[in-house]
C-alpha cells in the first residue's frame, strides 16, 4: 500500500519527495506515464523511485528527464 492509499502497480507507481513533486502528480519518464503515489526514506530531493515489483526487474540507478504532466496535491494517509 502506498502513502496515497493506492496499491502500488508495476510501471505505474513512483515514490517521490512530496516537497519537490506533490503526491498524485502525473509524470512522464522515458516515454512512460507514472503516478507519484508513494514516498520513501531514500527518496529525497530530485530522486524518483520507480516501482518494478521484483528486485530482478530493477534497472538500478538511471538519470532521465522527468516531465510533470499534471501536478496534483493529495494528502497521504
Foldseek 3Di string as FASTA:
>chain_A
DAQQPDDDDALAEKEADCVAAAFQWWKAWPNGIYGHGHHDPPHDDPDMGGDHPDPVSDPPDDDTDMDGPGGDHDGGD
